[in-house]
């Protein structure tokens, strides 16, 4: 990995996603590791890795779907965020509660239109504290993931998607 990029396919990258590649988030650099067309028009599967100096994360720190929007719908991200990743040299990197976490999420906020939104999966080990807190009635912005999203500029209101509406929405998420 002498380029610092993940070895995955990049095809037809929308300008908003292209803006993320190479952007710094505190002491890490964002690396677009995958961008593939989804079967639905205008949607892209994407993966973002982080690079610390010359060393890139083995797995993506963030991956999911991106839409530029259209037909009355603003752009959005529907993703899974892994704040703890392993770098290619075997060392762990933990972004939880760090300025880099907020900067990474702010980079996503920065490429969306003002009425755009992000949905982040919050069930599972990576966000267990947030999941438990939400189920106990804690306001979303007072949870670790919610606070990071708020600090990153996602301040237009939260929705806890505990029940999927149509069966294709994926895991439980915080919007």
C-alpha atoms as a PDB file:
ATOM      1  CA  UNK A   1       0.000   0.000   0.000  1.00  0.00           C
ATOM      2  CA  UNK A   2       2.545   2.547  -0.987  1.00  0.00           C
ATOM      3  CA  UNK A   3      -0.207   4.952  -2.068  1.00  0.00           C
ATOM      4  CA  UNK A   4      -1.948   4.697   1.277  1.00  0.00           C
ATOM      5  CA  UNK A   5      -5.178   3.705  -0.477  1.00  0.00           C
ATOM      6  CA  UNK A   6      -7.185   0.572   0.116  1.00  0.00           C
ATOM      7  CA  UNK A   7      -7.131  -1.945  -2.705  1.00  0.00           C
ATOM      8  CA  UNK A   8     -10.772  -1.661  -3.802  1.00  0.00           C
ATOM      9  CA  UNK A   9     -12.758  -0.503  -6.805  1.00  0.00           C
ATOM     10  CA  UNK A  10     -13.380   3.152  -7.488  1.00  0.00           C
ATOM     11  CA  UNK A  11     -15.942   3.951 -10.166  1.00  0.00           C
ATOM     12  CA  UNK A  12     -17.910   7.048 -11.120  1.00  0.00           C
ATOM     13  CA  UNK A  13     -17.277   8.981  -7.894  1.00  0.00           C
ATOM     14  CA  UNK A  14     -19.822  11.743  -7.193  1.00  0.00           C
ATOM     15  CA  UNK A  15     -18.163  15.123  -6.510  1.00  0.00           C
ATOM     16  CA  UNK A  16     -19.369  15.122  -2.883  1.00  0.00           C
ATOM     17  CA  UNK A  17     -17.611  11.815  -2.150  1.00  0.00           C
ATOM     18  CA  UNK A  18     -14.544  12.896  -4.120  1.00  0.00           C
ATOM     19  CA  UNK A  19     -14.225  15.875  -1.735  1.00  0.00           C
ATOM     20  CA  UNK A  20     -13.701  13.458   1.157  1.00  0.00           C
ATOM     21  CA  UNK A  21     -10.716  11.654  -0.376  1.00  0.00           C
ATOM     22  CA  UNK A  22      -7.505  13.149   1.019  1.00  0.00           C
ATOM     23  CA  UNK A  23      -9.280  15.470   3.443  1.00  0.00           C
ATOM     24  CA  UNK A  24      -7.674  15.794   6.851  1.00  0.00           C
ATOM     25  CA  UNK A  25      -9.622  15.140  10.034  1.00  0.00           C
ATOM     26  CA  UNK A  26      -7.355  16.205  12.866  1.00  0.00           C
ATOM     27  CA  UNK A  27      -4.206  14.084  12.679  1.00  0.00           C
ATOM     28  CA  UNK A  28      -5.716  11.518  10.274  1.00  0.00           C
ATOM     29  CA  UNK A  29      -6.398  11.725   6.564  1.00  0.00           C
ATOM     30  CA  UNK A  30      -9.553  10.315   4.953  1.00  0.00           C
ATOM     31  CA  UNK A  31      -9.071   7.826   2.129  1.00  0.00           C
ATOM     32  CA  UNK A  32     -11.881   6.806  -0.209  1.00  0.00           C
ATOM     33  CA  UNK A  33     -11.311   3.062  -0.440  1.00  0.00           C
ATOM     34  CA  UNK A  34     -14.364   2.022  -2.422  1.00  0.00           C
ATOM     35  CA  UNK A  35     -17.037   3.640  -4.511  1.00  0.00           C
ATOM     36  CA  UNK A  36     -19.406   1.456  -6.504  1.00  0.00           C
ATOM     37  CA  UNK A  37     -22.740   2.077  -8.114  1.00  0.00           C
ATOM     38  CA  UNK A  38     -25.690   0.632  -6.251  1.00  0.00           C
ATOM     39  CA  UNK A  39     -28.551  -0.968  -8.129  1.00  0.00           C
ATOM     40  CA  UNK A  40     -30.716   2.058  -7.339  1.00  0.00           C
ATOM     41  CA  UNK A  41     -30.027   5.084  -9.504  1.00  0.00           C
ATOM     42  CA  UNK A  42     -27.819   7.721  -7.965  1.00  0.00           C
ATOM     43  CA  UNK A  43     -26.829   5.684  -4.919  1.00  0.00           C
ATOM     44  CA  UNK A  44     -23.222   4.672  -4.271  1.00  0.00           C
ATOM     45  CA  UNK A  45     -21.728   2.106  -1.926  1.00  0.00           C
ATOM     46  CA  UNK A  46     -18.662   3.669  -0.407  1.00  0.00           C
ATOM     47  CA  UNK A  47     -15.972   3.015   2.172  1.00  0.00           C
ATOM     48  CA  UNK A  48     -13.774   5.543   3.939  1.00  0.00           C
ATOM     49  CA  UNK A  49     -10.515   4.522   5.540  1.00  0.00           C
ATOM     50  CA  UNK A  50      -8.231   6.658   7.671  1.00  0.00           C
ATOM     51  CA  UNK A  51      -4.523   7.127   7.161  1.00  0.00           C
ATOM     52  CA  UNK A  52      -2.179   8.084   9.967  1.00  0.00           C
ATOM     53  CA  UNK A  53       1.038   9.200   8.301  1.00  0.00           C
ATOM     54  CA  UNK A  54       1.849   6.523   5.713  1.00  0.00           C
ATOM     55  CA  UNK A  55      -0.247   3.828   7.440  1.00  0.00           C
ATOM     56  CA  UNK A  56      -3.833   3.171   6.315  1.00  0.00           C
ATOM     57  CA  UNK A  57      -6.579   1.409   8.261  1.00  0.00           C
ATOM     58  CA  UNK A  58      -7.160  -2.213   7.272  1.00  0.00           C
ATOM     59  CA  UNK A  59     -10.929  -1.895   7.468  1.00  0.00           C
ATOM     60  CA  UNK A  60     -13.042   1.163   6.728  1.00  0.00           C
ATOM     61  CA  UNK A  61     -13.809   3.557   9.537  1.00  0.00           C
ATOM     62  CA  UNK A  62     -17.076   4.333   7.771  1.00  0.00           C
ATOM     63  CA  UNK A  63     -18.957   2.520   5.007  1.00  0.00           C
ATOM     64  CA  UNK A  64     -22.434   2.394   3.580  1.00  0.00           C
ATOM     65  CA  UNK A  65     -24.597   4.184   1.044  1.00  0.00           C
ATOM     66  CA  UNK A  66     -24.472   7.733  -0.247  1.00  0.00           C
ATOM     67  CA  UNK A  67     -27.037   9.559  -2.348  1.00  0.00           C
ATOM     68  CA  UNK A  68     -26.630  12.958  -3.949  1.00  0.00           C
ATOM     69  CA  UNK A  69     -30.408  13.300  -3.671  1.00  0.00           C
ATOM     70  CA  UNK A  70     -32.847  14.301  -6.379  1.00  0.00           C
ATOM     71  CA  UNK A  71     -36.577  14.570  -7.098  1.00  0.00           C
ATOM     72  CA  UNK A  72     -37.274  16.551  -3.942  1.00  0.00           C
ATOM     73  CA  UNK A  73     -34.950  14.501  -1.707  1.00  0.00           C
ATOM     74  CA  UNK A  74     -31.759  16.039  -0.291  1.00  0.00           C
ATOM     75  CA  UNK A  75     -28.452  14.153  -0.224  1.00  0.00           C
ATOM     76  CA  UNK A  76     -27.858  11.629   2.544  1.00  0.00           C
ATOM     77  CA  UNK A  77     -25.537   9.050   4.073  1.00  0.00           C
ATOM     78  CA  UNK A  78     -26.733   5.706   5.489  1.00  0.00           C
ATOM     79  CA  UNK A  79     -23.669   4.179   7.056  1.00  0.00           C
ATOM     80  CA  UNK A  80     -21.928   2.126   9.663  1.00  0.00           C
ATOM     81  CA  UNK A  81     -19.239   3.901  11.633  1.00  0.00           C
ATOM     82  CA  UNK A  82     -16.448   1.940  13.318  1.00  0.00           C
ATOM     83  CA  UNK A  83     -14.603   4.347  15.623  1.00  0.00           C
ATOM     84  CA  UNK A  84     -12.064   1.642  16.500  1.00  0.00           C
ATOM     85  CA  UNK A  85     -10.039   0.289  13.582  1.00  0.00           C
ATOM     86  CA  UNK A  86      -6.783  -1.560  13.132  1.00  0.00           C
ATOM     87  CA  UNK A  87      -4.073   0.073  11.085  1.00  0.00           C
ATOM     88  CA  UNK A  88      -2.145  -1.907   8.481  1.00  0.00           C
ATOM     89  CA  UNK A  89       0.840  -2.075  10.851  1.00  0.00           C
ATOM     90  CA  UNK A  90      -1.355  -3.919  13.387  1.00  0.00           C
ATOM     91  CA  UNK A  91      -1.772  -1.011  15.799  1.00  0.00           C
ATOM     92  CA  UNK A  92      -5.284  -0.093  16.967  1.00  0.00           C
ATOM     93  CA  UNK A  93      -6.702   3.382  16.430  1.00  0.00           C
ATOM     94  CA  UNK A  94      -9.592   4.555  18.605  1.00  0.00           C
ATOM     95  CA  UNK A  95     -11.364   7.733  17.490  1.00  0.00           C
ATOM     96  CA  UNK A  96     -14.120   7.662  20.150  1.00  0.00           C
ATOM     97  CA  UNK A  97     -14.501  11.037  21.828  1.00  0.00           C
ATOM     98  CA  UNK A  98     -11.571  12.551  19.930  1.00  0.00           C
ATOM     99  CA  UNK A  99     -11.317  15.725  17.835  1.00  0.00           C
ATOM    100  CA  UNK A 100     -10.628  13.399  14.870  1.00  0.00           C
ATOM    101  CA  UNK A 101     -14.016  11.729  15.351  1.00  0.00           C
ATOM    102  CA  UNK A 102     -15.802  15.075  15.226  1.00  0.00           C
ATOM    103  CA  UNK A 103     -13.683  16.214  12.244  1.00  0.00           C
ATOM    104  CA  UNK A 104     -14.447  12.992  10.341  1.00  0.00           C
ATOM    105  CA  UNK A 105     -18.197  13.392  10.887  1.00  0.00           C
ATOM    106  CA  UNK A 106     -17.976  17.125  10.120  1.00  0.00           C
ATOM    107  CA  UNK A 107     -16.376  16.248   6.785  1.00  0.00           C
ATOM    108  CA  UNK A 108     -19.523  14.265   5.959  1.00  0.00           C
ATOM    109  CA  UNK A 109     -21.721  17.141   7.094  1.00  0.00           C
ATOM    110  CA  UNK A 110     -19.691  19.480   4.895  1.00  0.00           C
ATOM    111  CA  UNK A 111     -20.498  17.636   1.664  1.00  0.00           C
ATOM    112  CA  UNK A 112     -24.253  17.451   2.253  1.00  0.00           C
ATOM    113  CA  UNK A 113     -26.736  20.179   1.348  1.00  0.00           C
ATOM    114  CA  UNK A 114     -28.243  22.083   4.320  1.00  0.00           C
ATOM    115  CA  UNK A 115     -31.334  19.840   4.332  1.00  0.00           C
ATOM    116  CA  UNK A 116     -29.332  16.601   3.942  1.00  0.00           C
ATOM    117  CA  UNK A 117     -29.018  13.986   6.661  1.00  0.00           C
ATOM    118  CA  UNK A 118     -26.953  11.109   7.958  1.00  0.00           C
ATOM    119  CA  UNK A 119     -28.116   7.818   9.410  1.00  0.00           C
ATOM    120  CA  UNK A 120     -25.588   5.844  11.459  1.00  0.00           C
ATOM    121  CA  UNK A 121     -26.127   2.270  12.623  1.00  0.00           C
ATOM    122  CA  UNK A 122     -26.049   2.239  16.418  1.00  0.00           C
ATOM    123  CA  UNK A 123     -26.600  -1.382  17.361  1.00  0.00           C
ATOM    124  CA  UNK A 124     -23.648  -3.650  17.944  1.00  0.00           C
ATOM    125  CA  UNK A 125     -20.461  -3.461  19.942  1.00  0.00           C
ATOM    126  CA  UNK A 126     -19.069  -0.270  18.339  1.00  0.00           C
ATOM    127  CA  UNK A 127     -21.939   1.848  19.692  1.00  0.00           C
ATOM    128  CA  UNK A 128     -23.225  -0.262  22.571  1.00  0.00           C
ATOM    129  CA  UNK A 129     -23.194   2.649  25.034  1.00  0.00           C
ATOM    130  CA  UNK A 130     -25.294   4.779  22.653  1.00  0.00           C
ATOM    131  CA  UNK A 131     -27.718   1.919  21.961  1.00  0.00           C
ATOM    132  CA  UNK A 132     -28.267   1.208  25.664  1.00  0.00           C
ATOM    133  CA  UNK A 133     -28.701   4.915  26.434  1.00  0.00           C
ATOM    134  CA  UNK A 134     -31.231   5.437  23.629  1.00  0.00           C
ATOM    135  CA  UNK A 135     -33.253   2.449  24.814  1.00  0.00           C
ATOM    136  CA  UNK A 136     -33.225   3.915  28.339  1.00  0.00           C
ATOM    137  CA  UNK A 137     -34.737   7.162  27.025  1.00  0.00           C
ATOM    138  CA  UNK A 138     -31.596   9.315  27.012  1.00  0.00           C
ATOM    139  CA  UNK A 139     -31.947  12.119  24.430  1.00  0.00           C
ATOM    140  CA  UNK A 140     -29.930  11.260  21.285  1.00  0.00           C
ATOM    141  CA  UNK A 141     -27.632  14.295  21.536  1.00  0.00           C
ATOM    142  CA  UNK A 142     -26.651  13.191  25.063  1.00  0.00           C
ATOM    143  CA  UNK A 143     -25.323   9.806  23.859  1.00  0.00           C
ATOM    144  CA  UNK A 144     -21.712   9.353  22.703  1.00  0.00           C
ATOM    145  CA  UNK A 145     -22.643   8.933  19.014  1.00  0.00           C
ATOM    146  CA  UNK A 146     -25.332  11.614  19.137  1.00  0.00           C
ATOM    147  CA  UNK A 147     -22.990  14.096  20.810  1.00  0.00           C
ATOM    148  CA  UNK A 148     -20.314  13.461  18.168  1.00  0.00           C
ATOM    149  CA  UNK A 149     -22.870  14.005  15.381  1.00  0.00           C
ATOM    150  CA  UNK A 150     -24.126  17.180  17.075  1.00  0.00           C
ATOM    151  CA  UNK A 151     -20.585  18.526  17.500  1.00  0.00           C
ATOM    152  CA  UNK A 152     -19.943  17.744  13.822  1.00  0.00           C
ATOM    153  CA  UNK A 153     -22.817  19.955  12.675  1.00  0.00           C
ATOM    154  CA  UNK A 154     -25.739  17.547  12.419  1.00  0.00           C
ATOM    155  CA  UNK A 155     -28.058  19.701  14.524  1.00  0.00           C
ATOM    156  CA  UNK A 156     -31.345  19.622  12.604  1.00  0.00           C
ATOM    157  CA  UNK A 157     -33.047  17.108  14.884  1.00  0.00           C
ATOM    158  CA  UNK A 158     -32.582  13.438  15.671  1.00  0.00           C
ATOM    159  CA  UNK A 159     -34.666  10.371  14.975  1.00  0.00           C
ATOM    160  CA  UNK A 160     -34.039   6.961  16.513  1.00  0.00           C
ATOM    161  CA  UNK A 161     -34.924   4.375  13.859  1.00  0.00           C
ATOM    162  CA  UNK A 162     -35.622   1.456  16.170  1.00  0.00           C
ATOM    163  CA  UNK A 163     -38.244  -0.145  13.939  1.00  0.00           C
ATOM    164  CA  UNK A 164     -37.575  -0.475  10.219  1.00  0.00           C
ATOM    165  CA  UNK A 165     -40.552   0.634   8.143  1.00  0.00           C
ATOM    166  CA  UNK A 166     -40.259  -1.395   4.962  1.00  0.00           C
ATOM    167  CA  UNK A 167     -37.816  -4.165   5.721  1.00  0.00           C
ATOM    168  CA  UNK A 168     -34.862  -2.878   3.674  1.00  0.00           C
ATOM    169  CA  UNK A 169     -33.645  -0.155   6.009  1.00  0.00           C
ATOM    170  CA  UNK A 170     -30.938  -2.290   7.597  1.00  0.00           C
ATOM    171  CA  UNK A 171     -29.844  -2.073  11.218  1.00  0.00           C
ATOM    172  CA  UNK A 172     -31.210   0.139  13.974  1.00  0.00           C
ATOM    173  CA  UNK A 173     -29.847   3.618  13.434  1.00  0.00           C
ATOM    174  CA  UNK A 174     -29.652   7.179  14.642  1.00  0.00           C
ATOM    175  CA  UNK A 175     -30.575   9.853  12.086  1.00  0.00           C
END
